[in-house]
């Protein structure tokens, strides 16, 4: 008899509120933030829908965030509730095992591309804030050469799980690993990284159960071929593989930071060898070159994905067996301008600007447009004011020709 009650959205909403209050009463030493969002007239504008942590825009929403740090453990919780959903955002426990090695478990985004400003960027090519974070467990570590303190490596591996859906009878798994070589001298830092992602295992109605044994995991790890399919020219790699070459340069002075980066996307050996030319995400960010201001400019190019078939004949974020492609719960896991349903080649110009003036008005401005085809300018403006422990703000998103979405937000920090 409890099932109809539990399914009632109002019941879930008020239960969520009571749980938060209970946690606060018993956790006086935890830093917490409560946020209330009001969207009286919902209009699904681009920057209201995307890079919004996989959340659906609602007339009213309540967010609870907490972060608790002990000596070797960091605990984070992020929960969002509306009348239609209760959404668990980035929530995890991270523990130091030894030296520079950490274990992280829960729902989280990524441990690579740390240079990227996720609040201003159009979105990482692999894992952005566009979709809900996936449940994962991962190890990450770093190593610095004793003979040359200017050179260090950081690397990691993780295992994640997608969700069941209309397409997936059994949820596929995620394999993720990365390695970066970093050179740091004086005020300069140069980094070159390789990140590999793979969807594997699970089952669909159309193709049945996919290989998921421990032996198959090693094939996924090295991108080895799967079984030969009759009618094909050759055996394809087991699972759905994708990744990036990740290049970044940073120059840091006392009060300024200059960043230059390029994420080169690949789905097979042709892209790994740069046969898809300059495809990827190019970016530059200037911090405090204008006082208390961040300026970010990005250029996204995906027009070379099918430039030389059959050698270069990709459809980014798509896959014929894993038919939901590089997506999680209906949202692209990577950059939202690449559609996992039908990746039309495009070029996008994106600008992000934000201020960080203490005890004054803060703002964030996003503006994007496809530049190789007819497209409207998509924008979002957020203005906040902190008063004691309170934050009051307004958010306006829309495009140059369409309707606007105007929202109000209130936050309280303890």
Protein backbone atom coordinates (compact mmCIF):
# COMPACT_ATOMS: atom_id res chain seq x y z
CA UNK A 1 0.00 0.00 0.00
CA UNK A 2 3.01 2.28 0.35
CA UNK A 3 3.88 2.21 -3.37
CA UNK A 4 1.29 4.79 -4.53
CA UNK A 5 2.35 7.07 -1.68
CA UNK A 6 6.05 6.79 -2.45
CA UNK A 7 5.38 7.50 -6.11
CA UNK A 8 3.52 10.68 -5.20
CA UNK A 9 5.81 13.59 -6.15
CA UNK A 10 4.70 15.81 -3.27
CA UNK A 11 5.48 13.05 -0.78
CA UNK A 12 8.99 12.64 -2.21
CA UNK A 13 9.56 16.38 -2.15
CA UNK A 14 8.59 16.90 1.48
CA UNK A 15 10.47 13.76 2.54
CA UNK A 16 13.57 15.24 0.93
CA UNK A 17 13.13 18.48 2.92
CA UNK A 18 12.79 16.54 6.20
CA UNK A 19 15.91 14.48 5.45
CA UNK A 20 17.94 17.65 4.87
CA UNK A 21 16.74 19.21 8.13
CA UNK A 22 17.58 16.01 10.01
CA UNK A 23 21.08 15.91 8.52
CA UNK A 24 21.70 19.52 9.47
CA UNK A 25 20.60 19.02 13.09
CA UNK A 26 23.06 16.15 13.45
CA UNK A 27 25.92 17.64 11.45
CA UNK A 28 26.72 21.01 12.94
CA UNK A 29 30.38 20.78 11.83
CA UNK A 30 29.57 20.36 8.12
CA UNK A 31 29.62 23.32 5.75
CA UNK A 32 26.28 23.39 3.94
CA UNK A 33 24.45 25.43 1.35
CA UNK A 34 20.71 25.61 0.73
CA UNK A 35 19.47 27.05 -2.57
CA UNK A 36 15.98 27.85 -3.79
CA UNK A 37 15.34 28.38 -7.52
CA UNK A 38 12.14 29.91 -8.91
CA UNK A 39 11.28 29.82 -12.62
CA UNK A 40 7.77 31.29 -12.96
CA UNK A 41 7.59 31.07 -16.76
CA UNK A 42 9.54 28.06 -17.98
CA UNK A 43 10.90 28.29 -21.50
CA UNK A 44 13.35 25.60 -22.58
CA UNK A 45 16.17 27.82 -23.81
CA UNK A 46 19.52 26.29 -24.72
CA UNK A 47 21.53 27.31 -21.64
CA UNK A 48 18.59 26.46 -19.37
CA UNK A 49 18.59 22.88 -20.66
CA UNK A 50 22.28 22.12 -21.18
CA UNK A 51 25.31 22.00 -18.87
CA UNK A 52 22.71 21.91 -16.11
CA UNK A 53 23.87 18.64 -14.48
CA UNK A 54 21.20 16.61 -16.29
CA UNK A 55 18.41 18.37 -14.40
CA UNK A 56 15.11 19.27 -15.96
CA UNK A 57 14.10 22.88 -15.50
CA UNK A 58 11.31 23.19 -12.95
CA UNK A 59 9.10 26.02 -11.65
CA UNK A 60 10.57 25.50 -8.21
CA UNK A 61 13.67 23.64 -7.10
CA UNK A 62 15.58 23.12 -3.85
CA UNK A 63 19.27 22.23 -3.74
CA UNK A 64 21.27 21.02 -0.76
CA UNK A 65 25.07 20.86 -0.90
CA UNK A 66 27.51 19.84 1.79
CA UNK A 67 31.24 19.27 1.88
CA UNK A 68 33.04 17.70 4.82
CA UNK A 69 36.82 17.30 5.04
CA UNK A 70 38.77 15.25 7.51
CA UNK A 71 42.50 14.52 7.47
CA UNK A 72 42.46 11.94 4.65
CA UNK A 73 38.80 11.86 3.67
CA UNK A 74 36.60 14.25 1.72
CA UNK A 75 32.83 13.73 1.69
CA UNK A 76 30.55 15.63 -0.70
CA UNK A 77 26.77 15.50 -1.10
CA UNK A 78 24.68 17.33 -3.70
CA UNK A 79 20.90 16.79 -3.91
CA UNK A 80 18.31 18.63 -5.98
CA UNK A 81 14.55 18.31 -5.56
CA UNK A 82 11.61 19.66 -7.49
CA UNK A 83 7.95 18.70 -7.77
CA UNK A 84 8.85 16.23 -10.51
CA UNK A 85 12.15 14.69 -9.44
CA UNK A 86 14.74 14.09 -6.79
CA UNK A 87 18.14 14.30 -8.40
CA UNK A 88 21.44 13.21 -6.83
CA UNK A 89 24.26 15.29 -8.25
CA UNK A 90 27.99 14.95 -7.67
CA UNK A 91 28.13 13.04 -4.37
CA UNK A 92 31.09 10.93 -3.34
CA UNK A 93 33.68 9.97 -0.77
CA UNK A 94 37.35 10.48 -1.59
CA UNK A 95 40.00 8.90 0.59
CA UNK A 96 43.78 9.10 0.56
CA UNK A 97 45.22 5.59 0.50
CA UNK A 98 48.95 6.39 0.59
CA UNK A 99 51.43 8.94 -0.75
CA UNK A 100 49.72 10.67 -3.72
CA UNK A 101 47.16 7.92 -4.34
CA UNK A 102 43.42 8.36 -3.78
CA UNK A 103 40.27 6.27 -4.02
CA UNK A 104 37.03 7.97 -5.05
CA UNK A 105 33.60 6.31 -5.03
CA UNK A 106 30.11 7.65 -5.63
CA UNK A 107 28.63 9.81 -8.39
CA UNK A 108 31.18 12.16 -9.90
CA UNK A 109 32.35 13.60 -13.19
CA UNK A 110 36.09 13.37 -13.89
CA UNK A 111 39.63 13.51 -12.51
CA UNK A 112 41.25 14.79 -15.71
CA UNK A 113 41.29 18.07 -17.69
CA UNK A 114 41.61 19.91 -14.37
CA UNK A 115 42.52 23.13 -16.18
CA UNK A 116 39.03 23.42 -17.70
CA UNK A 117 36.68 26.03 -16.26
CA UNK A 118 33.47 23.97 -16.28
CA UNK A 119 31.35 26.97 -15.26
CA UNK A 120 32.31 28.98 -18.36
CA UNK A 121 33.26 26.31 -20.92
CA UNK A 122 30.86 24.98 -23.54
CA UNK A 123 31.81 21.59 -22.14
CA UNK A 124 34.58 19.00 -22.19
CA UNK A 125 34.53 16.68 -25.19
CA UNK A 126 34.39 13.64 -22.90
CA UNK A 127 32.74 14.48 -19.58
CA UNK A 128 31.08 17.82 -18.96
CA UNK A 129 28.38 19.06 -16.59
CA UNK A 130 25.74 18.37 -19.22
CA UNK A 131 24.49 15.00 -17.94
CA UNK A 132 23.89 13.69 -14.46
CA UNK A 133 27.14 12.33 -12.96
CA UNK A 134 27.53 8.58 -13.35
CA UNK A 135 28.16 6.17 -10.44
CA UNK A 136 31.87 5.32 -10.50
CA UNK A 137 34.73 4.03 -8.42
CA UNK A 138 38.22 5.12 -9.35
CA UNK A 139 41.89 5.27 -8.40
CA UNK A 140 44.08 8.27 -9.19
CA UNK A 141 47.70 8.96 -8.46
CA UNK A 142 50.72 11.04 -9.45
CA UNK A 143 54.47 10.58 -9.65
CA UNK A 144 57.25 13.16 -9.64
CA UNK A 145 60.73 12.36 -10.89
CA UNK A 146 63.39 12.74 -8.20
CA UNK A 147 66.13 13.72 -10.65
CA UNK A 148 63.98 16.29 -12.42
CA UNK A 149 61.41 17.97 -10.17
CA UNK A 150 59.98 19.84 -13.16
CA UNK A 151 58.45 16.68 -14.68
CA UNK A 152 55.58 14.69 -13.20
CA UNK A 153 52.90 12.23 -14.25
CA UNK A 154 49.32 11.94 -13.08
CA UNK A 155 47.16 8.98 -14.00
CA UNK A 156 44.01 7.15 -13.04
CA UNK A 157 41.54 4.40 -13.82
CA UNK A 158 37.86 4.03 -12.97
CA UNK A 159 34.89 1.78 -13.50
CA UNK A 160 31.39 3.18 -13.95
CA UNK A 161 27.86 2.03 -14.65
CA UNK A 162 25.27 3.41 -17.06
CA UNK A 163 21.55 2.89 -16.40
CA UNK A 164 18.87 0.62 -17.80
CA UNK A 165 16.52 2.23 -20.31
CA UNK A 166 14.23 1.45 -23.22
CA UNK A 167 17.36 0.57 -25.20
CA UNK A 168 19.36 -1.21 -22.48
CA UNK A 169 17.82 -4.23 -20.75
CA UNK A 170 21.01 -4.56 -18.70
CA UNK A 171 23.02 -1.42 -17.97
CA UNK A 172 26.34 -1.18 -19.86
CA UNK A 173 29.56 -0.46 -17.99
CA UNK A 174 32.09 2.34 -18.37
CA UNK A 175 35.84 1.87 -18.56
CA UNK A 176 37.92 5.01 -18.09
CA UNK A 177 41.67 5.62 -17.82
CA UNK A 178 44.02 8.52 -18.37
CA UNK A 179 47.67 9.52 -18.15
CA UNK A 180 49.23 12.99 -18.29
CA UNK A 181 52.80 14.16 -18.65
CA UNK A 182 53.30 17.57 -17.04
CA UNK A 183 56.25 19.94 -17.26
CA UNK A 184 56.31 22.76 -14.71
CA UNK A 185 59.01 25.41 -14.59
CA UNK A 186 58.88 28.85 -13.02
CA UNK A 187 55.49 30.29 -13.99
CA UNK A 188 54.78 27.92 -16.89
CA UNK A 189 53.03 24.56 -17.03
CA UNK A 190 52.75 22.39 -20.13
CA UNK A 191 50.63 19.24 -20.10
CA UNK A 192 49.97 16.45 -22.62
CA UNK A 193 47.41 13.79 -21.78
CA UNK A 194 45.66 10.78 -23.27
CA UNK A 195 42.17 9.83 -22.03
CA UNK A 196 40.40 6.63 -23.06
CA UNK A 197 36.72 5.87 -22.45
CA UNK A 198 34.77 2.74 -23.42
CA UNK A 199 31.19 1.51 -23.12
CA UNK A 200 31.03 -2.28 -22.75
CA UNK A 201 28.91 -5.11 -21.42
CA UNK A 202 25.19 -4.77 -20.84
CA UNK A 203 22.48 -6.01 -23.18
CA UNK A 204 19.89 -4.72 -25.64
CA UNK A 205 16.75 -6.24 -27.15
CA UNK A 206 18.19 -5.95 -30.66
CA UNK A 207 21.70 -7.34 -30.09
CA UNK A 208 21.27 -9.36 -26.93
CA UNK A 209 23.94 -9.70 -24.26
CA UNK A 210 27.37 -8.19 -24.92
CA UNK A 211 30.60 -9.84 -23.69
CA UNK A 212 31.30 -8.89 -20.09
CA UNK A 213 33.80 -11.39 -18.65
CA UNK A 214 37.09 -10.52 -16.96
CA UNK A 215 38.84 -11.61 -20.15
CA UNK A 216 36.64 -9.21 -22.12
CA UNK A 217 37.66 -6.41 -19.74
CA UNK A 218 41.29 -6.84 -20.80
CA UNK A 219 40.18 -6.60 -24.44
CA UNK A 220 38.40 -3.35 -23.58
CA UNK A 221 41.49 -2.13 -21.74
CA UNK A 222 43.70 -2.46 -24.83
CA UNK A 223 40.90 -1.77 -27.37
CA UNK A 224 41.20 -5.26 -28.80
CA UNK A 225 38.85 -6.59 -31.50
CA UNK A 226 35.65 -8.36 -30.67
CA UNK A 227 34.15 -11.30 -32.55
CA UNK A 228 33.98 -11.11 -36.35
CA UNK A 229 30.53 -10.23 -37.67
CA UNK A 230 29.50 -11.91 -40.91
CA UNK A 231 29.27 -9.41 -43.77
CA UNK A 232 31.83 -7.04 -42.23
CA UNK A 233 35.21 -6.25 -43.78
CA UNK A 234 36.97 -6.87 -40.49
CA UNK A 235 36.33 -7.36 -36.78
CA UNK A 236 35.62 -4.14 -34.90
CA UNK A 237 36.90 -3.25 -31.46
CA UNK A 238 34.88 -4.79 -28.64
CA UNK A 239 32.61 -2.13 -27.10
CA UNK A 240 32.29 1.54 -28.00
CA UNK A 241 35.59 3.44 -27.64
CA UNK A 242 36.30 7.15 -27.65
CA UNK A 243 38.82 9.52 -26.14
CA UNK A 244 40.88 12.68 -26.42
CA UNK A 245 44.42 13.86 -26.79
CA UNK A 246 44.48 16.63 -24.18
CA UNK A 247 46.93 19.53 -24.56
CA UNK A 248 47.13 22.53 -22.23
CA UNK A 249 49.47 25.37 -21.38
CA UNK A 250 49.20 27.68 -18.39
CA UNK A 251 51.19 30.70 -17.35
CA UNK A 252 50.61 31.86 -13.79
CA UNK A 253 51.80 35.12 -12.29
CA UNK A 254 50.96 36.59 -8.91
CA UNK A 255 47.50 37.79 -9.94
CA UNK A 256 46.97 36.56 -13.52
CA UNK A 257 46.46 33.19 -15.23
CA UNK A 258 46.69 32.55 -18.96
CA UNK A 259 45.36 29.22 -20.30
CA UNK A 260 45.54 27.73 -23.76
CA UNK A 261 44.13 24.26 -24.47
CA UNK A 262 43.11 21.83 -27.18
CA UNK A 263 41.08 18.62 -26.78
CA UNK A 264 41.47 16.44 -29.89
CA UNK A 265 38.61 13.95 -30.15
CA UNK A 266 38.92 10.40 -31.52
CA UNK A 267 36.74 7.30 -31.80
CA UNK A 268 39.19 4.96 -33.54
CA UNK A 269 42.79 4.76 -34.71
CA UNK A 270 42.18 7.28 -37.50
CA UNK A 271 41.31 10.02 -35.03
CA UNK A 272 44.01 8.82 -32.65
CA UNK A 273 46.49 9.55 -35.49
CA UNK A 274 44.90 12.96 -36.19
CA UNK A 275 43.39 11.89 -39.52
CA UNK A 276 40.34 13.93 -38.53
CA UNK A 277 42.60 16.98 -38.72
CA UNK A 278 41.78 19.84 -36.33
CA UNK A 279 38.52 18.44 -34.94
CA UNK A 280 38.10 19.11 -31.26
CA UNK A 281 37.76 21.86 -28.71
CA UNK A 282 40.15 24.83 -28.85
CA UNK A 283 40.14 27.29 -25.97
CA UNK A 284 41.83 30.26 -24.32
CA UNK A 285 41.09 31.74 -20.90
CA UNK A 286 42.37 34.95 -19.33
CA UNK A 287 41.95 35.35 -15.58
CA UNK A 288 42.34 38.79 -13.98
CA UNK A 289 43.80 40.43 -17.08
CA UNK A 290 40.77 42.63 -16.59
CA UNK A 291 40.60 43.01 -12.82
CA UNK A 292 38.42 40.39 -11.09
CA UNK A 293 37.24 38.98 -14.43
CA UNK A 294 37.56 35.66 -16.28
CA UNK A 295 37.27 35.69 -20.08
CA UNK A 296 37.02 32.38 -21.97
CA UNK A 297 36.77 31.88 -25.74
CA UNK A 298 36.27 28.44 -27.34
CA UNK A 299 36.06 27.10 -30.86
CA UNK A 300 34.52 23.66 -31.42
CA UNK A 301 35.05 21.90 -34.76
CA UNK A 302 33.52 18.52 -35.71
CA UNK A 303 33.44 18.93 -39.51
CA UNK A 304 36.20 16.41 -40.29
CA UNK A 305 34.51 13.38 -38.75
CA UNK A 306 33.62 11.83 -42.13
CA UNK A 307 36.14 13.53 -44.40
CA UNK A 308 37.76 10.37 -45.83
CA UNK A 309 35.48 7.29 -45.77
CA UNK A 310 35.90 4.49 -45.00
CA UNK A 311 39.14 5.38 -43.14
CA UNK A 312 37.75 8.53 -41.52
CA UNK A 313 34.01 7.90 -41.40
CA UNK A 314 32.86 8.66 -37.85
CA UNK A 315 29.66 9.92 -36.33
CA UNK A 316 30.82 11.40 -33.03
CA UNK A 317 29.06 10.16 -29.87
CA UNK A 318 27.08 7.60 -31.94
CA UNK A 319 27.35 3.81 -32.07
CA UNK A 320 25.39 1.18 -33.99
CA UNK A 321 25.20 -1.35 -31.09
CA UNK A 322 25.11 0.97 -28.09
CA UNK A 323 22.33 2.97 -29.69
CA UNK A 324 22.15 5.64 -26.97
CA UNK A 325 25.73 6.51 -27.81
CA UNK A 326 27.81 8.72 -25.55
CA UNK A 327 24.87 9.74 -23.37
CA UNK A 328 23.53 9.16 -19.88
CA UNK A 329 19.85 9.43 -18.97
CA UNK A 330 19.00 11.36 -22.13
CA UNK A 331 21.88 13.86 -22.14
CA UNK A 332 25.22 13.89 -23.97
CA UNK A 333 27.96 13.07 -21.50
CA UNK A 334 30.39 15.38 -23.27
CA UNK A 335 29.93 18.68 -25.09
CA UNK A 336 26.19 19.44 -25.57
CA UNK A 337 26.78 20.84 -29.07
CA UNK A 338 27.53 17.28 -30.24
CA UNK A 339 24.25 15.37 -30.55
CA UNK A 340 24.47 11.72 -29.54
CA UNK A 341 21.41 10.96 -31.70
CA UNK A 342 22.67 12.55 -34.91
CA UNK A 343 26.05 14.26 -34.82
CA UNK A 344 25.79 16.81 -37.61
CA UNK A 345 29.25 18.28 -38.38
CA UNK A 346 29.43 21.84 -37.10
CA UNK A 347 31.64 24.71 -35.99
CA UNK A 348 30.72 26.55 -32.79
CA UNK A 349 32.03 29.78 -31.29
CA UNK A 350 31.51 30.09 -27.54
CA UNK A 351 32.30 32.92 -25.12
CA UNK A 352 32.11 32.86 -21.34
CA UNK A 353 32.73 35.80 -19.00
CA UNK A 354 32.47 35.93 -15.22
CA UNK A 355 33.40 38.26 -12.37
CA UNK A 356 34.60 37.46 -8.87
CA UNK A 357 34.35 40.74 -6.99
CA UNK A 358 34.20 40.14 -3.25
CA UNK A 359 31.15 41.62 -1.50
CA UNK A 360 29.86 43.11 -4.76
CA UNK A 361 27.66 41.98 -7.63
CA UNK A 362 28.95 38.87 -9.41
CA UNK A 363 27.88 37.92 -12.89
CA UNK A 364 28.30 35.13 -15.44
CA UNK A 365 27.60 35.49 -19.13
CA UNK A 366 27.54 32.71 -21.75
CA UNK A 367 27.10 33.24 -25.48
CA UNK A 368 27.26 30.58 -28.22
CA UNK A 369 26.51 30.24 -31.92
CA UNK A 370 27.15 27.77 -34.73
CA UNK A 371 29.21 29.64 -37.31
CA UNK A 372 29.13 27.26 -40.28
CA UNK A 373 25.35 27.38 -40.71
CA UNK A 374 22.38 29.62 -39.98
CA UNK A 375 21.87 29.73 -36.24
CA UNK A 376 20.60 32.04 -33.52
CA UNK A 377 22.81 33.34 -30.72
CA UNK A 378 22.22 31.43 -27.48
CA UNK A 379 22.91 33.32 -24.25
CA UNK A 380 22.65 33.14 -20.49
CA UNK A 381 23.18 35.93 -17.96
CA UNK A 382 23.37 35.34 -14.22
CA UNK A 383 23.76 38.18 -11.71
CA UNK A 384 24.26 37.51 -7.97
CA UNK A 385 24.62 39.58 -4.83
CA UNK A 386 25.95 38.19 -1.54
CA UNK A 387 24.49 39.73 1.62
CA UNK A 388 25.96 38.25 4.80
CA UNK A 389 25.27 34.49 4.49
CA UNK A 390 22.68 34.97 1.78
CA UNK A 391 22.94 35.05 -2.01
CA UNK A 392 20.22 36.57 -4.16
CA UNK A 393 20.35 36.33 -7.94
CA UNK A 394 18.54 36.46 -11.25
CA UNK A 395 19.12 34.24 -14.31
CA UNK A 396 18.06 35.12 -17.85
CA UNK A 397 18.53 32.71 -20.75
CA UNK A 398 17.26 32.75 -24.31
CA UNK A 399 18.23 33.44 -27.90
CA UNK A 400 18.22 36.54 -30.06
CA UNK A 401 14.95 35.64 -31.84
CA UNK A 402 12.99 33.56 -29.34
CA UNK A 403 11.43 33.79 -25.90
CA UNK A 404 13.37 34.19 -22.68
CA UNK A 405 13.48 32.22 -19.47
CA UNK A 406 13.81 34.32 -16.30
CA UNK A 407 14.57 32.69 -12.98
CA UNK A 408 15.28 33.83 -9.42
CA UNK A 409 17.56 32.08 -6.95
CA UNK A 410 18.22 32.33 -3.21
CA UNK A 411 21.06 30.60 -1.35
CA UNK A 412 21.98 30.34 2.31
CA UNK A 413 25.47 29.22 3.40
CA UNK A 414 26.24 27.81 6.83
